[in-house]
């Protein structure tokens, strides 16, 4: 994920800027959006908050960055770029890239064999986050 981030940082920056321009949209996925954190916004209302051409651009960027679950703006202003998620609330895992001014996490060592999966011991109820660039992180959560 670190190499992918470095190769695509300009695309991540473009997507982050788009999210910042959406005054009320807090989540954009391939087939749904959230407004002010509210789930299940009816599709008929979506174009008034996120026009079709804008949603199409999000989808292009999701494909370029291999983001299976879209993006989310958290309450603290951080933005999650959701690479993957599996399972249910009671058990599963997720991987994401995060842009944030509010996270204090160790730098990811570029040498050595340690990975985020290695840092998540035990394998449940764990969040491992590593800084990969100023204000940019990768995170693995297992629950």
Protein backbone atom coordinates (compact mmCIF):
# COMPACT_ATOMS: atom_id res chain seq x y z
CA UNK A 1 0.00 0.00 0.00
CA UNK A 2 2.90 2.36 0.66
CA UNK A 3 4.22 2.04 -2.90
CA UNK A 4 0.70 2.47 -4.30
CA UNK A 5 0.26 5.63 -2.26
CA UNK A 6 3.53 7.10 -3.47
CA UNK A 7 2.77 6.31 -7.11
CA UNK A 8 -0.70 7.82 -6.84
CA UNK A 9 -0.33 10.66 -4.35
CA UNK A 10 -1.51 13.27 -6.87
CA UNK A 11 -4.72 11.28 -7.45
CA UNK A 12 -5.26 10.94 -3.69
CA UNK A 13 -4.77 14.71 -3.38
CA UNK A 14 -7.32 15.34 -6.14
CA UNK A 15 -9.86 13.09 -4.46
CA UNK A 16 -9.24 14.71 -1.07
CA UNK A 17 -9.83 18.15 -2.62
CA UNK A 18 -13.11 16.95 -4.13
CA UNK A 19 -14.32 15.68 -0.75
CA UNK A 20 -13.44 19.04 0.82
CA UNK A 21 -15.63 20.81 -1.76
CA UNK A 22 -18.76 18.86 -0.81
CA UNK A 23 -20.42 20.94 1.94
CA UNK A 24 -22.81 18.27 3.23
CA UNK A 25 -21.68 14.99 1.64
CA UNK A 26 -19.87 12.90 4.25
CA UNK A 27 -19.54 9.62 2.37
CA UNK A 28 -19.32 8.76 -1.30
CA UNK A 29 -19.38 5.14 -2.41
CA UNK A 30 -19.87 3.72 -5.87
CA UNK A 31 -23.65 3.39 -5.42
CA UNK A 32 -24.67 5.59 -2.48
CA UNK A 33 -23.86 8.76 -0.57
CA UNK A 34 -24.39 10.03 2.96
CA UNK A 35 -25.52 13.57 3.71
CA UNK A 36 -24.46 15.00 7.08
CA UNK A 37 -23.66 11.46 8.22
CA UNK A 38 -27.16 10.17 7.47
CA UNK A 39 -27.27 6.74 5.84
CA UNK A 40 -29.67 5.74 3.10
CA UNK A 41 -30.06 9.01 1.22
CA UNK A 42 -32.69 8.26 -1.43
CA UNK A 43 -31.24 8.13 -4.95
CA UNK A 44 -33.79 10.70 -6.07
CA UNK A 45 -32.21 13.24 -3.65
CA UNK A 46 -28.60 12.41 -4.52
CA UNK A 47 -28.26 14.67 -7.61
CA UNK A 48 -29.16 17.77 -5.60
CA UNK A 49 -26.15 17.10 -3.34
CA UNK A 50 -23.85 15.32 -5.79
CA UNK A 51 -24.56 15.76 -9.52
CA UNK A 52 -24.19 12.82 -11.90
CA UNK A 53 -21.03 14.18 -13.56
CA UNK A 54 -19.38 14.69 -10.16
CA UNK A 55 -20.29 11.15 -9.03
CA UNK A 56 -18.88 9.85 -12.33
CA UNK A 57 -15.54 11.58 -11.57
CA UNK A 58 -15.49 10.02 -8.09
CA UNK A 59 -15.99 6.59 -9.67
CA UNK A 60 -13.09 7.14 -12.07
CA UNK A 61 -10.80 8.06 -9.16
CA UNK A 62 -12.06 5.11 -7.09
CA UNK A 63 -11.07 2.82 -9.95
CA UNK A 64 -7.63 4.43 -10.34
CA UNK A 65 -6.95 4.05 -6.61
CA UNK A 66 -8.62 0.62 -6.23
CA UNK A 67 -10.95 1.93 -3.53
CA UNK A 68 -13.62 -0.72 -3.11
CA UNK A 69 -15.68 1.23 -0.58
CA UNK A 70 -15.22 4.89 -1.57
CA UNK A 71 -14.35 7.78 0.73
CA UNK A 72 -15.62 9.10 4.05
CA UNK A 73 -15.13 12.43 5.80
CA UNK A 74 -14.87 11.91 9.55
CA UNK A 75 -16.17 14.38 12.15
CA UNK A 76 -12.64 15.65 12.90
CA UNK A 77 -12.11 16.59 9.24
CA UNK A 78 -9.97 13.56 8.42
CA UNK A 79 -10.73 11.73 5.17
CA UNK A 80 -10.69 7.94 4.84
CA UNK A 81 -10.01 6.35 1.46
CA UNK A 82 -11.56 2.93 1.93
CA UNK A 83 -9.50 0.28 0.17
CA UNK A 84 -11.40 -2.73 1.45
CA UNK A 85 -13.73 -3.92 4.14
CA UNK A 86 -15.04 -7.36 4.88
CA UNK A 87 -17.21 -8.99 7.48
CA UNK A 88 -19.76 -7.51 9.79
CA UNK A 89 -19.67 -5.08 12.72
CA UNK A 90 -18.98 -7.97 15.11
CA UNK A 91 -16.12 -9.41 13.06
CA UNK A 92 -14.15 -8.39 10.02
CA UNK A 93 -11.38 -6.15 8.79
CA UNK A 94 -10.75 -3.01 6.81
CA UNK A 95 -7.84 -1.26 5.10
CA UNK A 96 -7.74 2.43 4.34
CA UNK A 97 -5.57 5.33 3.41
CA UNK A 98 -6.20 8.32 5.67
CA UNK A 99 -5.50 12.02 5.29
CA UNK A 100 -5.51 13.71 8.69
CA UNK A 101 -3.98 16.52 10.70
CA UNK A 102 -5.13 14.78 13.90
CA UNK A 103 -3.39 11.39 13.95
CA UNK A 104 -0.19 10.69 15.82
CA UNK A 105 1.17 7.44 14.44
CA UNK A 106 4.65 6.06 13.96
CA UNK A 107 6.40 6.35 10.61
CA UNK A 108 6.29 3.13 8.62
CA UNK A 109 9.81 1.82 8.32
CA UNK A 110 10.67 1.31 4.68
CA UNK A 111 13.12 -1.45 5.44
CA UNK A 112 12.44 -4.63 7.36
CA UNK A 113 9.65 -7.16 7.07
CA UNK A 114 7.24 -5.68 9.62
CA UNK A 115 3.81 -4.89 8.25
CA UNK A 116 0.54 -3.56 9.58
CA UNK A 117 -0.76 -7.12 9.80
CA UNK A 118 2.24 -7.99 12.00
CA UNK A 119 1.38 -5.03 14.23
CA UNK A 120 -2.19 -6.25 14.74
CA UNK A 121 -1.70 -8.86 17.46
CA UNK A 122 -4.09 -10.19 18.62
CA UNK A 123 -5.82 -10.34 15.26
CA UNK A 124 -9.13 -9.09 16.68
CA UNK A 125 -10.00 -5.73 18.22
CA UNK A 126 -6.91 -4.13 16.72
CA UNK A 127 -6.15 -0.96 14.80
CA UNK A 128 -2.66 -0.45 13.36
CA UNK A 129 -1.89 2.90 11.73
CA UNK A 130 1.36 4.06 10.14
CA UNK A 131 2.40 7.41 8.73
CA UNK A 132 3.52 7.23 5.09
CA UNK A 133 3.85 10.96 4.29
CA UNK A 134 3.05 14.25 6.02
CA UNK A 135 -0.65 14.06 6.98
CA UNK A 136 -1.04 10.70 5.17
CA UNK A 137 -1.45 7.29 6.83
CA UNK A 138 -2.39 3.72 6.09
CA UNK A 139 -4.51 1.80 8.55
CA UNK A 140 -5.60 -1.78 9.15
CA UNK A 141 -8.46 -2.53 11.48
CA UNK A 142 -9.45 -5.99 12.65
CA UNK A 143 -12.51 -6.58 14.79
